[in-house]
């Protein structure tokens, strides 16, 4: 490290007499210490409605209620697919515009 960089580092941190290397925290940071469940390949956010939906007990539902649930879920799948197609088309349009 050059003498100018050391002087600037000391001036920035206000640690006269210490080298810049001594200013760095050498304690190892714990990153990604939470393990995932083996049956859950993708971690979801806490309070994720899709996760709550998948864990919902279906035993108390009647046949009519299950059919209504399937209809609602099918409508949501179609809505999500339409949004996905719009996003893909938008991305393709943007890529085409900026490749010129």
N, C-alpha and C. Protein backbone atom coordinates (compact mmCIF):
# COMPACT_ATOMS: atom_id res chain seq x y z
N UNK A 1 0.85 -1.18 0.00
CA UNK A 1 0.00 0.00 0.00
C UNK A 1 0.89 1.23 0.00
N UNK A 2 0.56 2.21 -0.75
CA UNK A 2 1.40 3.40 -0.84
C UNK A 2 1.24 4.25 0.42
N UNK A 3 2.21 5.10 0.65
CA UNK A 3 2.18 5.96 1.83
C UNK A 3 0.99 6.90 1.84
N UNK A 4 0.56 7.36 0.69
CA UNK A 4 -0.58 8.27 0.59
C UNK A 4 -1.86 7.54 0.98
N UNK A 5 -2.03 6.30 0.52
CA UNK A 5 -3.23 5.54 0.85
C UNK A 5 -3.31 5.26 2.33
N UNK A 6 -2.16 4.97 2.98
CA UNK A 6 -2.15 4.71 4.41
C UNK A 6 -2.55 5.97 5.16
N UNK A 7 -2.03 7.11 4.77
CA UNK A 7 -2.36 8.37 5.43
C UNK A 7 -3.84 8.66 5.26
N UNK A 8 -4.38 8.45 4.05
CA UNK A 8 -5.81 8.69 3.81
C UNK A 8 -6.66 7.74 4.63
N UNK A 9 -6.25 6.48 4.76
CA UNK A 9 -7.00 5.50 5.54
C UNK A 9 -7.05 5.90 7.00
N UNK A 10 -5.90 6.30 7.52
CA UNK A 10 -5.83 6.70 8.93
C UNK A 10 -6.67 7.94 9.15
N UNK A 11 -6.62 8.86 8.22
CA UNK A 11 -7.41 10.09 8.35
C UNK A 11 -8.90 9.77 8.31
N UNK A 12 -9.30 8.85 7.47
CA UNK A 12 -10.70 8.50 7.36
C UNK A 12 -11.23 7.83 8.61
N UNK A 13 -10.45 6.94 9.19
CA UNK A 13 -10.93 6.16 10.33
C UNK A 13 -10.53 6.74 11.67
N UNK A 14 -9.65 7.71 11.66
CA UNK A 14 -9.26 8.35 12.91
C UNK A 14 -8.48 7.43 13.83
N UNK A 15 -7.75 6.50 13.29
CA UNK A 15 -6.99 5.55 14.10
C UNK A 15 -5.52 5.76 13.85
N UNK A 16 -4.99 6.84 14.36
CA UNK A 16 -3.58 7.14 14.17
C UNK A 16 -2.74 6.04 14.80
N UNK A 17 -1.72 5.61 14.08
CA UNK A 17 -0.82 4.60 14.60
C UNK A 17 -1.22 3.18 14.22
N UNK A 18 -2.42 2.96 13.71
CA UNK A 18 -2.84 1.61 13.30
C UNK A 18 -2.74 1.50 11.79
N UNK A 19 -2.34 0.32 11.35
CA UNK A 19 -2.30 0.11 9.90
C UNK A 19 -3.72 -0.12 9.41
N UNK A 20 -4.00 0.12 8.14
CA UNK A 20 -5.34 -0.12 7.61
C UNK A 20 -5.77 -1.57 7.77
N UNK A 21 -4.81 -2.52 7.71
CA UNK A 21 -5.15 -3.92 7.88
C UNK A 21 -5.70 -4.18 9.28
N UNK A 22 -5.25 -3.44 10.28
CA UNK A 22 -5.72 -3.63 11.65
C UNK A 22 -7.14 -3.11 11.83
N UNK A 23 -7.62 -2.30 10.90
CA UNK A 23 -8.96 -1.74 11.00
C UNK A 23 -10.02 -2.71 10.50
N UNK A 24 -9.61 -3.74 9.80
CA UNK A 24 -10.57 -4.68 9.22
C UNK A 24 -10.98 -5.69 10.28
N UNK A 25 -12.28 -5.90 10.40
CA UNK A 25 -12.81 -6.88 11.34
C UNK A 25 -12.52 -8.27 10.79
N UNK A 26 -11.78 -9.06 11.53
CA UNK A 26 -11.40 -10.38 11.04
C UNK A 26 -12.31 -11.49 11.56
N UNK A 27 -13.34 -11.14 12.30
CA UNK A 27 -14.27 -12.14 12.78
C UNK A 27 -15.09 -12.66 11.60
N UNK A 28 -15.20 -13.98 11.50
CA UNK A 28 -15.95 -14.57 10.40
C UNK A 28 -17.44 -14.29 10.58
N UNK A 29 -18.06 -13.79 9.53
CA UNK A 29 -19.49 -13.52 9.56
C UNK A 29 -20.24 -14.81 9.27
N UNK A 30 -21.32 -15.03 10.00
CA UNK A 30 -22.14 -16.21 9.76
C UNK A 30 -23.18 -15.87 8.72
N UNK A 31 -23.08 -16.54 7.58
CA UNK A 31 -23.97 -16.29 6.46
C UNK A 31 -24.66 -17.59 6.10
N UNK A 32 -25.95 -17.51 5.83
CA UNK A 32 -26.72 -18.69 5.42
C UNK A 32 -26.61 -19.83 6.42
N UNK A 33 -26.84 -19.53 7.69
CA UNK A 33 -26.73 -20.56 8.72
C UNK A 33 -28.02 -21.34 8.90
N UNK A 34 -29.10 -20.92 8.25
CA UNK A 34 -30.37 -21.62 8.35
C UNK A 34 -30.39 -22.73 7.31
N UNK A 35 -30.66 -23.94 7.75
CA UNK A 35 -30.72 -25.05 6.81
C UNK A 35 -32.13 -25.18 6.27
N UNK A 36 -32.24 -25.66 5.05
CA UNK A 36 -33.54 -25.85 4.43
C UNK A 36 -34.03 -27.26 4.71
N UNK A 37 -35.32 -27.43 4.74
CA UNK A 37 -35.91 -28.75 4.88
C UNK A 37 -35.64 -29.52 3.60
N UNK A 38 -35.33 -30.81 3.67
CA UNK A 38 -35.04 -31.56 2.45
C UNK A 38 -36.23 -31.67 1.50
N UNK A 39 -37.45 -31.64 2.02
CA UNK A 39 -38.61 -31.75 1.15
C UNK A 39 -39.07 -30.39 0.63
N UNK A 40 -38.36 -29.34 0.98
CA UNK A 40 -38.72 -27.99 0.53
C UNK A 40 -37.57 -27.42 -0.30
N UNK A 41 -37.59 -27.62 -1.62
CA UNK A 41 -36.46 -27.21 -2.45
C UNK A 41 -36.28 -25.71 -2.56
N UNK A 42 -37.35 -24.93 -2.42
CA UNK A 42 -37.24 -23.48 -2.51
C UNK A 42 -37.70 -22.85 -1.21
N UNK A 43 -36.87 -21.99 -0.65
CA UNK A 43 -37.26 -21.30 0.58
C UNK A 43 -38.30 -20.23 0.24
N UNK A 44 -39.31 -20.13 1.05
CA UNK A 44 -40.35 -19.11 0.84
C UNK A 44 -40.24 -18.06 1.94
N UNK A 45 -40.78 -16.91 1.64
CA UNK A 45 -40.81 -15.84 2.64
C UNK A 45 -41.77 -16.21 3.76
N UNK A 46 -41.51 -15.70 4.92
CA UNK A 46 -42.42 -15.92 6.05
C UNK A 46 -43.76 -15.30 5.73
N UNK A 47 -44.83 -16.03 5.99
CA UNK A 47 -46.16 -15.52 5.71
C UNK A 47 -46.57 -15.62 4.25
N UNK A 48 -45.85 -16.41 3.47
CA UNK A 48 -46.16 -16.56 2.05
C UNK A 48 -47.52 -17.23 1.89
N UNK A 49 -48.47 -16.59 1.20
CA UNK A 49 -49.81 -17.17 1.05
C UNK A 49 -49.80 -18.51 0.32
N UNK A 50 -48.90 -18.70 -0.62
CA UNK A 50 -48.83 -19.97 -1.34
C UNK A 50 -48.42 -21.10 -0.41
N UNK A 51 -47.50 -20.82 0.50
CA UNK A 51 -47.08 -21.81 1.48
C UNK A 51 -48.24 -22.17 2.40
N UNK A 52 -48.97 -21.17 2.85
CA UNK A 52 -50.14 -21.42 3.72
C UNK A 52 -51.20 -22.21 2.97
N UNK A 53 -51.38 -21.93 1.70
CA UNK A 53 -52.36 -22.63 0.88
C UNK A 53 -51.99 -24.11 0.73
N UNK A 54 -50.71 -24.38 0.52
CA UNK A 54 -50.26 -25.76 0.34
C UNK A 54 -50.36 -26.57 1.63
N UNK A 55 -50.28 -25.91 2.77
CA UNK A 55 -50.33 -26.61 4.05
C UNK A 55 -51.76 -26.74 4.60
N UNK A 56 -52.71 -26.14 3.94
CA UNK A 56 -54.09 -26.14 4.42
C UNK A 56 -54.68 -27.55 4.38
N UNK A 57 -55.30 -27.97 5.46
CA UNK A 57 -55.91 -29.29 5.54
C UNK A 57 -57.18 -29.31 4.70
N UNK A 58 -57.26 -30.25 3.77
CA UNK A 58 -58.40 -30.33 2.86
C UNK A 58 -59.50 -31.27 3.35
N UNK A 59 -59.25 -32.02 4.40
CA UNK A 59 -60.23 -32.99 4.90
C UNK A 59 -61.58 -32.38 5.26
N UNK A 60 -61.66 -31.21 5.87
CA UNK A 60 -62.97 -30.69 6.26
C UNK A 60 -63.83 -30.18 5.10
N UNK A 61 -63.28 -30.06 3.90
CA UNK A 61 -64.02 -29.50 2.78
C UNK A 61 -64.98 -30.53 2.18
N UNK A 62 -66.12 -30.04 1.75
CA UNK A 62 -67.08 -30.89 1.03
C UNK A 62 -66.66 -30.96 -0.43
N UNK A 63 -67.32 -31.84 -1.19
CA UNK A 63 -67.02 -31.97 -2.62
C UNK A 63 -67.25 -30.64 -3.33
N UNK A 64 -68.35 -29.97 -3.01
CA UNK A 64 -68.66 -28.68 -3.65
C UNK A 64 -67.59 -27.64 -3.31
N UNK A 65 -67.16 -27.63 -2.06
CA UNK A 65 -66.14 -26.67 -1.65
C UNK A 65 -64.81 -26.98 -2.34
N UNK A 66 -64.48 -28.24 -2.50
CA UNK A 66 -63.25 -28.61 -3.20
C UNK A 66 -63.32 -28.21 -4.67
N UNK A 67 -64.48 -28.40 -5.30
CA UNK A 67 -64.65 -27.99 -6.69
C UNK A 67 -64.53 -26.47 -6.83
N UNK A 68 -65.09 -25.73 -5.88
CA UNK A 68 -64.98 -24.27 -5.90
C UNK A 68 -63.53 -23.85 -5.71
N UNK A 69 -62.84 -24.56 -4.85
CA UNK A 69 -61.42 -24.25 -4.60
C UNK A 69 -60.61 -24.50 -5.87
N UNK A 70 -60.87 -25.61 -6.55
CA UNK A 70 -60.17 -25.92 -7.80
C UNK A 70 -60.44 -24.84 -8.83
N UNK A 71 -61.70 -24.38 -8.92
CA UNK A 71 -62.03 -23.31 -9.85
C UNK A 71 -61.28 -22.03 -9.55
N UNK A 72 -61.20 -21.68 -8.28
CA UNK A 72 -60.49 -20.47 -7.88
C UNK A 72 -58.99 -20.60 -8.16
N UNK A 73 -58.43 -21.77 -7.87
CA UNK A 73 -57.00 -21.98 -8.11
C UNK A 73 -56.70 -22.00 -9.61
N UNK A 74 -57.58 -22.58 -10.41
CA UNK A 74 -57.41 -22.59 -11.85
C UNK A 74 -57.44 -21.17 -12.41
N UNK A 75 -58.36 -20.37 -11.91
CA UNK A 75 -58.43 -18.96 -12.34
C UNK A 75 -57.15 -18.23 -11.96
N UNK A 76 -56.60 -18.51 -10.80
CA UNK A 76 -55.35 -17.87 -10.37
C UNK A 76 -54.18 -18.33 -11.22
N UNK A 77 -54.15 -19.60 -11.58
CA UNK A 77 -53.10 -20.11 -12.46
C UNK A 77 -53.16 -19.41 -13.81
N UNK A 78 -54.36 -19.27 -14.36
CA UNK A 78 -54.52 -18.59 -15.66
C UNK A 78 -54.09 -17.13 -15.57
N UNK A 79 -54.44 -16.46 -14.48
CA UNK A 79 -54.04 -15.06 -14.28
C UNK A 79 -52.52 -14.96 -14.19
N UNK A 80 -51.89 -15.88 -13.48
CA UNK A 80 -50.44 -15.89 -13.34
C UNK A 80 -49.76 -16.16 -14.67
N UNK A 81 -50.32 -17.09 -15.46
CA UNK A 81 -49.76 -17.38 -16.77
C UNK A 81 -49.86 -16.18 -17.71
N UNK A 82 -50.99 -15.46 -17.66
CA UNK A 82 -51.13 -14.24 -18.49
C UNK A 82 -50.07 -13.21 -18.09
N UNK A 83 -49.85 -13.06 -16.80
CA UNK A 83 -48.85 -12.10 -16.33
C UNK A 83 -47.45 -12.54 -16.77
N UNK A 84 -47.18 -13.83 -16.69
CA UNK A 84 -45.89 -14.35 -17.12
C UNK A 84 -45.67 -14.08 -18.61
N UNK A 85 -46.66 -14.32 -19.43
CA UNK A 85 -46.53 -14.07 -20.87
C UNK A 85 -46.32 -12.59 -21.16
N UNK A 86 -47.02 -11.72 -20.44
CA UNK A 86 -46.80 -10.27 -20.61
C UNK A 86 -45.36 -9.90 -20.24
N UNK A 87 -44.86 -10.48 -19.15
CA UNK A 87 -43.50 -10.18 -18.71
C UNK A 87 -42.48 -10.66 -19.73
N UNK A 88 -42.68 -11.85 -20.27
CA UNK A 88 -41.75 -12.39 -21.27
C UNK A 88 -41.79 -11.53 -22.53
N UNK A 89 -42.99 -11.17 -22.97
CA UNK A 89 -43.10 -10.32 -24.16
C UNK A 89 -42.49 -8.95 -23.95
N UNK A 90 -42.68 -8.39 -22.77
CA UNK A 90 -42.10 -7.09 -22.45
C UNK A 90 -40.57 -7.18 -22.48
N UNK A 91 -40.04 -8.24 -21.91
CA UNK A 91 -38.59 -8.44 -21.89
C UNK A 91 -38.05 -8.59 -23.31
N UNK A 92 -38.76 -9.38 -24.13
CA UNK A 92 -38.32 -9.57 -25.51
C UNK A 92 -38.35 -8.24 -26.28
N UNK A 93 -39.37 -7.44 -26.04
CA UNK A 93 -39.47 -6.13 -26.70
C UNK A 93 -38.32 -5.23 -26.27
N UNK A 94 -38.01 -5.23 -24.99
CA UNK A 94 -36.92 -4.40 -24.48
C UNK A 94 -35.58 -4.88 -25.04
N UNK A 95 -35.37 -6.20 -25.07
CA UNK A 95 -34.13 -6.74 -25.63
C UNK A 95 -33.98 -6.34 -27.10
N UNK A 96 -35.07 -6.44 -27.86
CA UNK A 96 -35.04 -6.09 -29.28
C UNK A 96 -34.74 -4.59 -29.45
N UNK A 97 -35.30 -3.75 -28.61
CA UNK A 97 -35.10 -2.32 -28.71
C UNK A 97 -33.65 -1.95 -28.42
N UNK A 98 -33.05 -2.54 -27.41
CA UNK A 98 -31.70 -2.13 -27.02
C UNK A 98 -30.60 -2.86 -27.77
N UNK A 99 -30.93 -3.87 -28.56
CA UNK A 99 -29.91 -4.56 -29.36
C UNK A 99 -29.63 -3.83 -30.67
N UNK A 100 -30.44 -2.84 -31.01
CA UNK A 100 -30.26 -2.11 -32.26
C UNK A 100 -29.07 -1.23 -32.21
